[in-house]
């Protein structure tokens, strides 16, 4: 019995699954801002039913809300409050809004 077809399938599954998250599950991405450190939780967003293509163009184009490369999407709070970037979903209707002063600490941790 040849085992190479099974080994090939297992290798492909591992390769595909390792590329599902740009950030490993459970690991936050963090940015330093003037309003404190902002943490993005892949786990909480995935638990809410979001998938990478919901925000990122996985084909390498520019069609997504955010670029795939960490640290390349630069946004201001004013832009997010206008519905760009995080504000696309965090608009106060779909989920808590970026303009809601009571929600600041949900993303920003004081320095």
C-alpha atoms as a PDB file:
ATOM      1  CA  UNK A   1       0.000   0.000   0.000  1.00  0.00           C
ATOM      2  CA  UNK A   2       1.350   3.410  -0.940  1.00  0.00           C
ATOM      3  CA  UNK A   3       1.219   6.057   1.761  1.00  0.00           C
ATOM      4  CA  UNK A   4       2.459   9.010  -0.276  1.00  0.00           C
ATOM      5  CA  UNK A   5      -1.045  10.141  -1.385  1.00  0.00           C
ATOM      6  CA  UNK A   6      -2.137  10.345   2.265  1.00  0.00           C
ATOM      7  CA  UNK A   7       1.081  12.134   3.203  1.00  0.00           C
ATOM      8  CA  UNK A   8       0.524  14.602   0.364  1.00  0.00           C
ATOM      9  CA  UNK A   9      -3.034  15.339   1.521  1.00  0.00           C
ATOM     10  CA  UNK A  10      -1.850  15.866   5.109  1.00  0.00           C
ATOM     11  CA  UNK A  11       0.932  18.192   3.938  1.00  0.00           C
ATOM     12  CA  UNK A  12      -1.522  20.251   1.873  1.00  0.00           C
ATOM     13  CA  UNK A  13      -3.981  20.544   4.779  1.00  0.00           C
ATOM     14  CA  UNK A  14      -1.208  21.679   7.128  1.00  0.00           C
ATOM     15  CA  UNK A  15       0.043  24.225   4.594  1.00  0.00           C
ATOM     16  CA  UNK A  16      -3.424  25.646   4.024  1.00  0.00           C
ATOM     17  CA  UNK A  17      -4.309  25.793   7.717  1.00  0.00           C
ATOM     18  CA  UNK A  18      -1.031  27.492   8.637  1.00  0.00           C
ATOM     19  CA  UNK A  19      -1.859  30.295   6.220  1.00  0.00           C
ATOM     20  CA  UNK A  20      -5.378  30.939   7.517  1.00  0.00           C
ATOM     21  CA  UNK A  21      -4.275  33.583  10.023  1.00  0.00           C
ATOM     22  CA  UNK A  22      -1.680  36.260   9.384  1.00  0.00           C
ATOM     23  CA  UNK A  23      -1.613  36.439  13.158  1.00  0.00           C
ATOM     24  CA  UNK A  24      -1.791  33.169  15.081  1.00  0.00           C
ATOM     25  CA  UNK A  25      -5.155  32.464  16.746  1.00  0.00           C
ATOM     26  CA  UNK A  26      -5.310  33.940  20.217  1.00  0.00           C
ATOM     27  CA  UNK A  27      -2.487  36.401  19.552  1.00  0.00           C
ATOM     28  CA  UNK A  28      -3.340  40.090  19.478  1.00  0.00           C
ATOM     29  CA  UNK A  29      -1.842  42.519  17.008  1.00  0.00           C
ATOM     30  CA  UNK A  30      -0.832  45.766  18.685  1.00  0.00           C
ATOM     31  CA  UNK A  31      -0.187  49.331  17.583  1.00  0.00           C
ATOM     32  CA  UNK A  32       1.089  52.241  19.648  1.00  0.00           C
ATOM     33  CA  UNK A  33      -1.076  55.324  19.236  1.00  0.00           C
ATOM     34  CA  UNK A  34      -1.362  58.702  20.920  1.00  0.00           C
ATOM     35  CA  UNK A  35      -4.439  57.334  22.703  1.00  0.00           C
ATOM     36  CA  UNK A  36      -2.665  54.253  24.065  1.00  0.00           C
ATOM     37  CA  UNK A  37      -1.880  50.822  22.719  1.00  0.00           C
ATOM     38  CA  UNK A  38      -4.561  49.409  20.408  1.00  0.00           C
ATOM     39  CA  UNK A  39      -4.968  45.636  20.474  1.00  0.00           C
ATOM     40  CA  UNK A  40      -6.699  43.692  17.711  1.00  0.00           C
ATOM     41  CA  UNK A  41      -7.814  40.238  18.820  1.00  0.00           C
ATOM     42  CA  UNK A  42      -7.986  37.659  16.046  1.00  0.00           C
ATOM     43  CA  UNK A  43      -9.757  35.334  18.473  1.00  0.00           C
ATOM     44  CA  UNK A  44     -12.602  37.708  19.357  1.00  0.00           C
ATOM     45  CA  UNK A  45     -13.149  38.680  15.721  1.00  0.00           C
ATOM     46  CA  UNK A  46     -13.105  35.039  14.557  1.00  0.00           C
ATOM     47  CA  UNK A  47     -15.458  34.067  17.407  1.00  0.00           C
ATOM     48  CA  UNK A  48     -17.898  36.693  16.104  1.00  0.00           C
ATOM     49  CA  UNK A  49     -17.947  34.862  12.766  1.00  0.00           C
ATOM     50  CA  UNK A  50     -15.485  37.053  10.874  1.00  0.00           C
ATOM     51  CA  UNK A  51     -13.005  35.581   8.431  1.00  0.00           C
ATOM     52  CA  UNK A  52      -9.856  37.128   6.963  1.00  0.00           C
ATOM     53  CA  UNK A  53     -11.462  37.922   3.550  1.00  0.00           C
ATOM     54  CA  UNK A  54     -14.122  39.985   5.336  1.00  0.00           C
ATOM     55  CA  UNK A  55     -11.486  42.694   5.828  1.00  0.00           C
ATOM     56  CA  UNK A  56      -8.556  41.663   3.628  1.00  0.00           C
ATOM     57  CA  UNK A  57      -8.171  41.072  -0.097  1.00  0.00           C
ATOM     58  CA  UNK A  58      -6.327  37.753  -0.056  1.00  0.00           C
ATOM     59  CA  UNK A  59      -5.418  37.973  -3.753  1.00  0.00           C
ATOM     60  CA  UNK A  60      -2.791  40.629  -3.109  1.00  0.00           C
ATOM     61  CA  UNK A  61      -4.894  43.443  -4.501  1.00  0.00           C
ATOM     62  CA  UNK A  62      -6.013  46.582  -2.736  1.00  0.00           C
ATOM     63  CA  UNK A  63      -9.745  45.844  -2.600  1.00  0.00           C
ATOM     64  CA  UNK A  64      -9.901  44.972   1.097  1.00  0.00           C
ATOM     65  CA  UNK A  65     -10.543  47.298   4.023  1.00  0.00           C
ATOM     66  CA  UNK A  66      -6.988  46.672   5.272  1.00  0.00           C
ATOM     67  CA  UNK A  67      -3.727  45.673   3.620  1.00  0.00           C
ATOM     68  CA  UNK A  68      -2.526  42.186   4.498  1.00  0.00           C
ATOM     69  CA  UNK A  69       0.907  43.324   5.680  1.00  0.00           C
ATOM     70  CA  UNK A  70       0.957  44.218   9.384  1.00  0.00           C
ATOM     71  CA  UNK A  71       1.529  47.888  10.035  1.00  0.00           C
ATOM     72  CA  UNK A  72       0.832  49.185   6.534  1.00  0.00           C
ATOM     73  CA  UNK A  73      -2.729  50.449   7.109  1.00  0.00           C
ATOM     74  CA  UNK A  74      -2.565  53.896   8.706  1.00  0.00           C
ATOM     75  CA  UNK A  75      -5.834  55.422   9.892  1.00  0.00           C
ATOM     76  CA  UNK A  76      -6.919  58.235  12.135  1.00  0.00           C
ATOM     77  CA  UNK A  77      -9.862  58.175  14.514  1.00  0.00           C
ATOM     78  CA  UNK A  78     -11.543  60.791  12.310  1.00  0.00           C
ATOM     79  CA  UNK A  79     -11.269  58.454   9.303  1.00  0.00           C
ATOM     80  CA  UNK A  80     -12.666  55.539  11.306  1.00  0.00           C
ATOM     81  CA  UNK A  81     -15.524  57.732  12.542  1.00  0.00           C
ATOM     82  CA  UNK A  82     -16.290  58.406   8.850  1.00  0.00           C
ATOM     83  CA  UNK A  83     -16.663  54.659   8.257  1.00  0.00           C
ATOM     84  CA  UNK A  84     -13.193  53.804   6.996  1.00  0.00           C
ATOM     85  CA  UNK A  85     -11.013  50.978   8.308  1.00  0.00           C
ATOM     86  CA  UNK A  86     -12.280  49.689  11.654  1.00  0.00           C
ATOM     87  CA  UNK A  87     -15.221  52.083  11.310  1.00  0.00           C
ATOM     88  CA  UNK A  88     -16.560  49.980   8.438  1.00  0.00           C
ATOM     89  CA  UNK A  89     -18.006  47.570  11.013  1.00  0.00           C
ATOM     90  CA  UNK A  90     -17.475  49.538  14.229  1.00  0.00           C
ATOM     91  CA  UNK A  91     -20.118  52.074  13.250  1.00  0.00           C
ATOM     92  CA  UNK A  92     -22.503  51.833  16.206  1.00  0.00           C
ATOM     93  CA  UNK A  93     -24.992  49.770  14.192  1.00  0.00           C
ATOM     94  CA  UNK A  94     -23.217  46.536  13.317  1.00  0.00           C
ATOM     95  CA  UNK A  95     -21.081  46.625  16.485  1.00  0.00           C
ATOM     96  CA  UNK A  96     -19.973  49.294  18.954  1.00  0.00           C
ATOM     97  CA  UNK A  97     -18.894  52.473  17.219  1.00  0.00           C
ATOM     98  CA  UNK A  98     -15.475  54.097  17.073  1.00  0.00           C
ATOM     99  CA  UNK A  99     -17.098  57.433  17.937  1.00  0.00           C
ATOM    100  CA  UNK A 100     -18.640  56.108  21.185  1.00  0.00           C
ATOM    101  CA  UNK A 101     -16.629  57.616  24.079  1.00  0.00           C
ATOM    102  CA  UNK A 102     -17.754  54.797  26.365  1.00  0.00           C
ATOM    103  CA  UNK A 103     -16.133  52.232  24.034  1.00  0.00           C
ATOM    104  CA  UNK A 104     -12.612  53.722  23.845  1.00  0.00           C
ATOM    105  CA  UNK A 105     -11.070  51.206  26.241  1.00  0.00           C
ATOM    106  CA  UNK A 106     -12.463  48.284  24.263  1.00  0.00           C
ATOM    107  CA  UNK A 107      -9.621  48.910  21.794  1.00  0.00           C
ATOM    108  CA  UNK A 108      -7.255  51.386  23.502  1.00  0.00           C
ATOM    109  CA  UNK A 109      -5.313  50.354  26.609  1.00  0.00           C
ATOM    110  CA  UNK A 110      -3.739  53.324  28.449  1.00  0.00           C
ATOM    111  CA  UNK A 111       0.056  53.474  28.281  1.00  0.00           C
END
